[in-house]
C-alpha atoms as a PDB file:
ATOM      1  CA  MET A   1       4.936  16.777   6.552  1.00  0.00           C
ATOM      2  CA  ALA A   2       8.305  15.104   6.214  1.00  0.00           C
ATOM      3  CA  TYR A   3       9.704  14.594   2.740  1.00  0.00           C
ATOM      4  CA  LEU A   4      10.310  11.036   1.560  1.00  0.00           C
ATOM      5  CA  PRO A   5      12.627  10.350  -1.363  1.00  0.00           C
ATOM      6  CA  ASN A   6      10.815   9.106  -4.459  1.00  0.00           C
ATOM      7  CA  LYS A   7      12.504   5.689  -4.241  1.00  0.00           C
ATOM      8  CA  VAL A   8      11.084   5.154  -0.752  1.00  0.00           C
ATOM      9  CA  TYR A   9       7.683   6.678  -1.500  1.00  0.00           C
ATOM     10  CA  ARG A  10       7.213   4.522  -4.595  1.00  0.00           C
ATOM     11  CA  HIS A  11       7.726   1.286  -2.651  1.00  0.00           C
ATOM     12  CA  LEU A  12       5.643   2.024   0.455  1.00  0.00           C
ATOM     13  CA  PRO A  13       2.616  -0.011  -0.728  1.00  0.00           C
ATOM     14  CA  ASP A  14       4.935  -2.976  -1.357  1.00  0.00           C
ATOM     15  CA  LEU A  15       6.258  -2.631   2.165  1.00  0.00           C
ATOM     16  CA  TYR A  16       2.720  -2.487   3.602  1.00  0.00           C
ATOM     17  CA  VAL A  17       1.653  -5.670   1.813  1.00  0.00           C
ATOM     18  CA  VAL A  18       4.844  -7.589   2.632  1.00  0.00           C
ATOM     19  CA  ALA A  19       4.721  -6.511   6.283  1.00  0.00           C
ATOM     20  CA  GLY A  20       1.044  -7.433   6.495  1.00  0.00           C
ATOM     21  CA  VAL A  21       1.622 -10.917   5.084  1.00  0.00           C
ATOM     22  CA  TYR A  22       4.583 -11.384   7.414  1.00  0.00           C
ATOM     23  CA  VAL A  23       2.476 -10.387  10.430  1.00  0.00           C
ATOM     24  CA  LEU A  24      -0.345 -12.688   9.315  1.00  0.00           C
ATOM     25  CA  LEU A  25       2.040 -15.644   9.049  1.00  0.00           C
ATOM     26  CA  LYS A  26       4.153 -15.031  12.152  1.00  0.00           C
ATOM     27  CA  ILE A  27       1.840 -13.682  14.858  1.00  0.00           C
ATOM     28  CA  ASP A  28      -0.770 -16.065  16.252  1.00  0.00           C
ATOM     29  CA  HIS A  29      -2.922 -13.548  18.043  1.00  0.00           C
ATOM     30  CA  PRO A  30      -6.200 -11.887  17.051  1.00  0.00           C
ATOM     31  CA  ILE A  31      -4.629  -8.430  17.229  1.00  0.00           C
ATOM     32  CA  GLY A  32      -1.780  -9.615  15.004  1.00  0.00           C
ATOM     33  CA  PHE A  33      -4.269 -11.016  12.517  1.00  0.00           C
ATOM     34  CA  PHE A  34      -6.227  -7.753  12.500  1.00  0.00           C
ATOM     35  CA  SER A  35      -3.020  -5.723  12.092  1.00  0.00           C
ATOM     36  CA  GLY A  36      -1.871  -7.886   9.194  1.00  0.00           C
ATOM     37  CA  ILE A  37      -5.208  -7.501   7.440  1.00  0.00           C
ATOM     38  CA  LEU A  38      -5.082  -3.729   7.913  1.00  0.00           C
ATOM     39  CA  LEU A  39      -1.557  -3.503   6.495  1.00  0.00           C
ATOM     40  CA  VAL A  40      -2.453  -5.578   3.437  1.00  0.00           C
ATOM     41  CA  ALA A  41      -5.659  -3.579   2.917  1.00  0.00           C
ATOM     42  CA  ALA A  42      -3.771  -0.278   3.209  1.00  0.00           C
ATOM     43  CA  GLY A  43      -1.192  -1.423   0.657  1.00  0.00           C
ATOM     44  CA  LEU A  44      -3.850  -2.576  -1.794  1.00  0.00           C
ATOM     45  CA  PHE A  45      -5.814   0.647  -1.321  1.00  0.00           C
ATOM     46  CA  VAL A  46      -2.741   2.747  -2.110  1.00  0.00           C
ATOM     47  CA  PHE A  47      -1.997   0.575  -5.182  1.00  0.00           C
ATOM     48  CA  HIS A  48      -5.566   1.061  -6.393  1.00  0.00           C
ATOM     49  CA  PHE A  49      -5.547   4.802  -5.684  1.00  0.00           C
ATOM     50  CA  ARG A  50      -2.262   5.336  -7.521  1.00  0.00           C
ATOM     51  CA  LEU A  51      -3.439   3.316 -10.530  1.00  0.00           C
ATOM     52  CA  SER A  52      -6.728   5.191 -10.745  1.00  0.00           C
ATOM     53  CA  GLN A  53      -4.929   8.540 -10.431  1.00  0.00           C
ATOM     54  CA  SER A  54      -2.424   7.670 -13.146  1.00  0.00           C
ATOM     55  CA  ASN A  55      -5.241   6.459 -15.435  1.00  0.00           C
ATOM     56  CA  SER A  56      -7.273   9.628 -14.920  1.00  0.00           C
ATOM     57  CA  ILE A  57      -4.229  11.807 -15.580  1.00  0.00           C
ATOM     58  CA  SER A  58      -3.317   9.922 -18.761  1.00  0.00           C
ATOM     59  CA  ASN A  59      -6.950  10.058 -19.954  1.00  0.00           C
ATOM     60  CA  SER A  60      -7.143  13.811 -19.382  1.00  0.00           C
ATOM     61  CA  ILE A  61      -3.920  14.333 -21.335  1.00  0.00           C
ATOM     62  CA  LYS A  62      -5.282  12.394 -24.328  1.00  0.00           C
ATOM     63  CA  HIS A  63      -8.449  14.515 -24.565  1.00  0.00           C
END
């Protein structure tokens, strides 16, 4: 797998959400709508996954 610098990797979910909203607003086609929804959902999923991972790591360190 290709290596991504931390600066890029950290902001990928932001890029997914912004791109998804842009596609939703600019493309008037059912496939565009579906693609926008998928991009936003992917970004939110990654946000959620990263938050839950960081919470579980910090909780395991405390105990």
